[in-house]
Amino acid sequence: QLAGQGMGFELTDATKTHLATQGYDPTMGARPLRRAIQRLIEDPLSE
């Protein structure tokens, strides 16, 4: 969506690590990662 508007962003290594930590569940693997990205990045950007 951002690319369609000529915008983008980069994540720092610390942010990637935080997302990986927040988006991983031992029983579900990385499936919760999408929700973590929405909660921590997409939702705040849309406000």
PDB file of N, CA and C in Angstrom:
ATOM      1  N   GLN A   1       0.820  -1.194   0.000  1.00  0.00           N
ATOM      2  CA  GLN A   1       0.000   0.000   0.000  1.00  0.00           C
ATOM      3  C   GLN A   1       0.859   1.251   0.000  1.00  0.00           C
ATOM      4  N   LEU A   2       1.926   1.236   0.795  1.00  0.00           N
ATOM      5  CA  LEU A   2       2.805   2.409   0.807  1.00  0.00           C
ATOM      6  C   LEU A   2       3.516   2.567  -0.523  1.00  0.00           C
ATOM      7  N   ALA A   3       3.956   1.457  -1.103  1.00  0.00           N
ATOM      8  CA  ALA A   3       4.672   1.524  -2.375  1.00  0.00           C
ATOM      9  C   ALA A   3       3.789   2.116  -3.466  1.00  0.00           C
ATOM     10  N   GLY A   4       2.509   1.833  -3.432  1.00  0.00           N
ATOM     11  CA  GLY A   4       1.579   2.388  -4.401  1.00  0.00           C
ATOM     12  C   GLY A   4       1.460   3.899  -4.300  1.00  0.00           C
ATOM     13  N   GLN A   5       1.825   4.440  -3.150  1.00  0.00           N
ATOM     14  CA  GLN A   5       1.778   5.887  -2.927  1.00  0.00           C
ATOM     15  C   GLN A   5       3.163   6.510  -3.039  1.00  0.00           C
ATOM     16  N   GLY A   6       4.140   5.709  -3.506  1.00  0.00           N
ATOM     17  CA  GLY A   6       5.500   6.212  -3.659  1.00  0.00           C
ATOM     18  C   GLY A   6       6.240   6.348  -2.346  1.00  0.00           C
ATOM     19  N   MET A   7       5.811   5.619  -1.318  1.00  0.00           N
ATOM     20  CA  MET A   7       6.449   5.673  -0.006  1.00  0.00           C
ATOM     21  C   MET A   7       6.981   4.296   0.375  1.00  0.00           C
ATOM     22  N   GLY A   8       7.840   4.283   1.349  1.00  0.00           N
ATOM     23  CA  GLY A   8       8.358   3.036   1.889  1.00  0.00           C
ATOM     24  C   GLY A   8       8.997   3.296   3.236  1.00  0.00           C
ATOM     25  N   PHE A   9       9.479   2.237   3.862  1.00  0.00           N
ATOM     26  CA  PHE A   9      10.198   2.391   5.121  1.00  0.00           C
ATOM     27  C   PHE A   9      11.134   1.210   5.306  1.00  0.00           C
ATOM     28  N   GLU A  10      12.121   1.400   6.158  1.00  0.00           N
ATOM     29  CA  GLU A  10      13.085   0.354   6.469  1.00  0.00           C
ATOM     30  C   GLU A  10      13.015   0.062   7.953  1.00  0.00           C
ATOM     31  N   LEU A  11      13.237  -1.195   8.305  1.00  0.00           N
ATOM     32  CA  LEU A  11      13.234  -1.601   9.707  1.00  0.00           C
ATOM     33  C   LEU A  11      14.667  -1.788  10.183  1.00  0.00           C
ATOM     34  N   THR A  12      14.945  -1.315  11.388  1.00  0.00           N
ATOM     35  CA  THR A  12      16.256  -1.549  11.975  1.00  0.00           C
ATOM     36  C   THR A  12      16.356  -3.008  12.403  1.00  0.00           C
ATOM     37  N   ASP A  13      17.570  -3.466  12.646  1.00  0.00           N
ATOM     38  CA  ASP A  13      17.761  -4.835  13.130  1.00  0.00           C
ATOM     39  C   ASP A  13      17.055  -5.045  14.463  1.00  0.00           C
ATOM     40  N   ALA A  14      17.075  -4.028  15.322  1.00  0.00           N
ATOM     41  CA  ALA A  14      16.405  -4.139  16.622  1.00  0.00           C
ATOM     42  C   ALA A  14      14.900  -4.303  16.440  1.00  0.00           C
ATOM     43  N   THR A  15      14.337  -3.583  15.474  1.00  0.00           N
ATOM     44  CA  THR A  15      12.902  -3.700  15.205  1.00  0.00           C
ATOM     45  C   THR A  15      12.569  -5.075  14.659  1.00  0.00           C
ATOM     46  N   LYS A  16      13.397  -5.588  13.771  1.00  0.00           N
ATOM     47  CA  LYS A  16      13.182  -6.935  13.231  1.00  0.00           C
ATOM     48  C   LYS A  16      13.231  -7.978  14.338  1.00  0.00           C
ATOM     49  N   THR A  17      14.180  -7.829  15.248  1.00  0.00           N
ATOM     50  CA  THR A  17      14.284  -8.756  16.373  1.00  0.00           C
ATOM     51  C   THR A  17      13.054  -8.663  17.256  1.00  0.00           C
ATOM     52  N   HIS A  18      12.596  -7.453  17.526  1.00  0.00           N
ATOM     53  CA  HIS A  18      11.398  -7.262  18.348  1.00  0.00           C
ATOM     54  C   HIS A  18      10.180  -7.902  17.688  1.00  0.00           C
ATOM     55  N   LEU A  19      10.015  -7.704  16.390  1.00  0.00           N
ATOM     56  CA  LEU A  19       8.894  -8.321  15.675  1.00  0.00           C
ATOM     57  C   LEU A  19       8.984  -9.840  15.721  1.00  0.00           C
ATOM     58  N   ALA A  20      10.181 -10.367  15.545  1.00  0.00           N
ATOM     59  CA  ALA A  20      10.353 -11.818  15.586  1.00  0.00           C
ATOM     60  C   ALA A  20      10.011 -12.362  16.962  1.00  0.00           C
ATOM     61  N   THR A  21      10.386 -11.639  17.999  1.00  0.00           N
ATOM     62  CA  THR A  21      10.079 -12.065  19.362  1.00  0.00           C
ATOM     63  C   THR A  21       8.581 -11.993  19.631  1.00  0.00           C
ATOM     64  N   GLN A  22       7.964 -10.896  19.220  1.00  0.00           N
ATOM     65  CA  GLN A  22       6.532 -10.710  19.455  1.00  0.00           C
ATOM     66  C   GLN A  22       5.676 -11.601  18.561  1.00  0.00           C
ATOM     67  N   GLY A  23       6.196 -11.953  17.390  1.00  0.00           N
ATOM     68  CA  GLY A  23       5.408 -12.695  16.422  1.00  0.00           C
ATOM     69  C   GLY A  23       5.654 -14.181  16.394  1.00  0.00           C
ATOM     70  N   TYR A  24       6.365 -14.703  17.375  1.00  0.00           N
ATOM     71  CA  TYR A  24       6.647 -16.137  17.406  1.00  0.00           C
ATOM     72  C   TYR A  24       5.971 -16.762  18.607  1.00  0.00           C
ATOM     73  N   ASP A  25       5.352 -17.892  18.383  1.00  0.00           N
ATOM     74  CA  ASP A  25       4.726 -18.660  19.456  1.00  0.00           C
ATOM     75  C   ASP A  25       5.230 -20.091  19.328  1.00  0.00           C
ATOM     76  N   PRO A  26       5.759 -20.677  20.408  1.00  0.00           N
ATOM     77  CA  PRO A  26       6.327 -22.027  20.315  1.00  0.00           C
ATOM     78  C   PRO A  26       5.353 -23.070  19.753  1.00  0.00           C
ATOM     79  N   THR A  27       4.071 -22.920  20.023  1.00  0.00           N
ATOM     80  CA  THR A  27       3.118 -23.914  19.529  1.00  0.00           C
ATOM     81  C   THR A  27       2.631 -23.608  18.112  1.00  0.00           C
ATOM     82  N   MET A  28       2.657 -22.349  17.721  1.00  0.00           N
ATOM     83  CA  MET A  28       2.136 -21.968  16.401  1.00  0.00           C
ATOM     84  C   MET A  28       3.229 -21.548  15.426  1.00  0.00           C
ATOM     85  N   GLY A  29       4.465 -21.514  15.875  1.00  0.00           N
ATOM     86  CA  GLY A  29       5.549 -21.081  15.002  1.00  0.00           C
ATOM     87  C   GLY A  29       5.467 -19.592  14.729  1.00  0.00           C
ATOM     88  N   ALA A  30       5.680 -19.221  13.462  1.00  0.00           N
ATOM     89  CA  ALA A  30       5.697 -17.800  13.091  1.00  0.00           C
ATOM     90  C   ALA A  30       4.343 -17.299  12.604  1.00  0.00           C
ATOM     91  N   ARG A  31       3.312 -18.124  12.665  1.00  0.00           N
ATOM     92  CA  ARG A  31       1.993 -17.694  12.175  1.00  0.00           C
ATOM     93  C   ARG A  31       1.493 -16.408  12.825  1.00  0.00           C
ATOM     94  N   PRO A  32       1.732 -16.171  14.108  1.00  0.00           N
ATOM     95  CA  PRO A  32       1.260 -14.913  14.716  1.00  0.00           C
ATOM     96  C   PRO A  32       2.029 -13.672  14.245  1.00  0.00           C
ATOM     97  N   LEU A  33       3.061 -13.865  13.437  1.00  0.00           N
ATOM     98  CA  LEU A  33       3.876 -12.737  12.987  1.00  0.00           C
ATOM     99  C   LEU A  33       3.038 -11.700  12.239  1.00  0.00           C
ATOM    100  N   ARG A  34       2.118 -12.143  11.411  1.00  0.00           N
ATOM    101  CA  ARG A  34       1.274 -11.210  10.660  1.00  0.00           C
ATOM    102  C   ARG A  34       0.485 -10.303  11.597  1.00  0.00           C
ATOM    103  N   ARG A  35      -0.060 -10.881  12.652  1.00  0.00           N
ATOM    104  CA  ARG A  35      -0.814 -10.069  13.621  1.00  0.00           C
ATOM    105  C   ARG A  35       0.099  -9.096  14.350  1.00  0.00           C
ATOM    106  N   ALA A  36       1.321  -9.528  14.669  1.00  0.00           N
ATOM    107  CA  ALA A  36       2.270  -8.635  15.344  1.00  0.00           C
ATOM    108  C   ALA A  36       2.619  -7.456  14.442  1.00  0.00           C
ATOM    109  N   ILE A  37       2.815  -7.717  13.153  1.00  0.00           N
ATOM    110  CA  ILE A  37       3.119  -6.638  12.211  1.00  0.00           C
ATOM    111  C   ILE A  37       1.947  -5.665  12.136  1.00  0.00           C
ATOM    112  N   GLN A  38       0.738  -6.194  12.085  1.00  0.00           N
ATOM    113  CA  GLN A  38      -0.437  -5.314  12.055  1.00  0.00           C
ATOM    114  C   GLN A  38      -0.526  -4.476  13.322  1.00  0.00           C
ATOM    115  N   ARG A  39      -0.369  -5.125  14.472  1.00  0.00           N
ATOM    116  CA  ARG A  39      -0.538  -4.440  15.758  1.00  0.00           C
ATOM    117  C   ARG A  39       0.557  -3.403  16.008  1.00  0.00           C
ATOM    118  N   LEU A  40       1.797  -3.743  15.662  1.00  0.00           N
ATOM    119  CA  LEU A  40       2.931  -2.888  16.015  1.00  0.00           C
ATOM    120  C   LEU A  40       3.326  -1.880  14.933  1.00  0.00           C
ATOM    121  N   ILE A  41       2.979  -2.157  13.675  1.00  0.00           N
ATOM    122  CA  ILE A  41       3.412  -1.273  12.590  1.00  0.00           C
ATOM    123  C   ILE A  41       2.227  -0.697  11.814  1.00  0.00           C
ATOM    124  N   GLU A  42       1.405  -1.570  11.246  1.00  0.00           N
ATOM    125  CA  GLU A  42       0.345  -1.085  10.359  1.00  0.00           C
ATOM    126  C   GLU A  42      -0.695  -0.239  11.081  1.00  0.00           C
ATOM    127  N   ASP A  43      -1.173  -0.708  12.210  1.00  0.00           N
ATOM    128  CA  ASP A  43      -2.200   0.046  12.935  1.00  0.00           C
ATOM    129  C   ASP A  43      -1.716   1.433  13.356  1.00  0.00           C
ATOM    130  N   PRO A  44      -0.530   1.546  13.975  1.00  0.00           N
ATOM    131  CA  PRO A  44      -0.065   2.896  14.336  1.00  0.00           C
ATOM    132  C   PRO A  44       0.154   3.805  13.117  1.00  0.00           C
ATOM    133  N   LEU A  45       0.593   3.233  11.983  1.00  0.00           N
ATOM    134  CA  LEU A  45       0.788   4.055  10.786  1.00  0.00           C
ATOM    135  C   LEU A  45      -0.524   4.582  10.237  1.00  0.00           C
ATOM    136  N   SER A  46      -1.583   3.814  10.400  1.00  0.00           N
ATOM    137  CA  SER A  46      -2.866   4.223   9.835  1.00  0.00           C
ATOM    138  C   SER A  46      -3.583   5.267  10.693  1.00  0.00           C
ATOM    139  N   GLU A  47      -3.110   5.469  11.911  1.00  0.00           N
ATOM    140  CA  GLU A  47      -3.774   6.440  12.800  1.00  0.00           C
ATOM    141  C   GLU A  47      -3.376   7.865  12.496  1.00  0.00           C
TER     142      GLU A  47
END
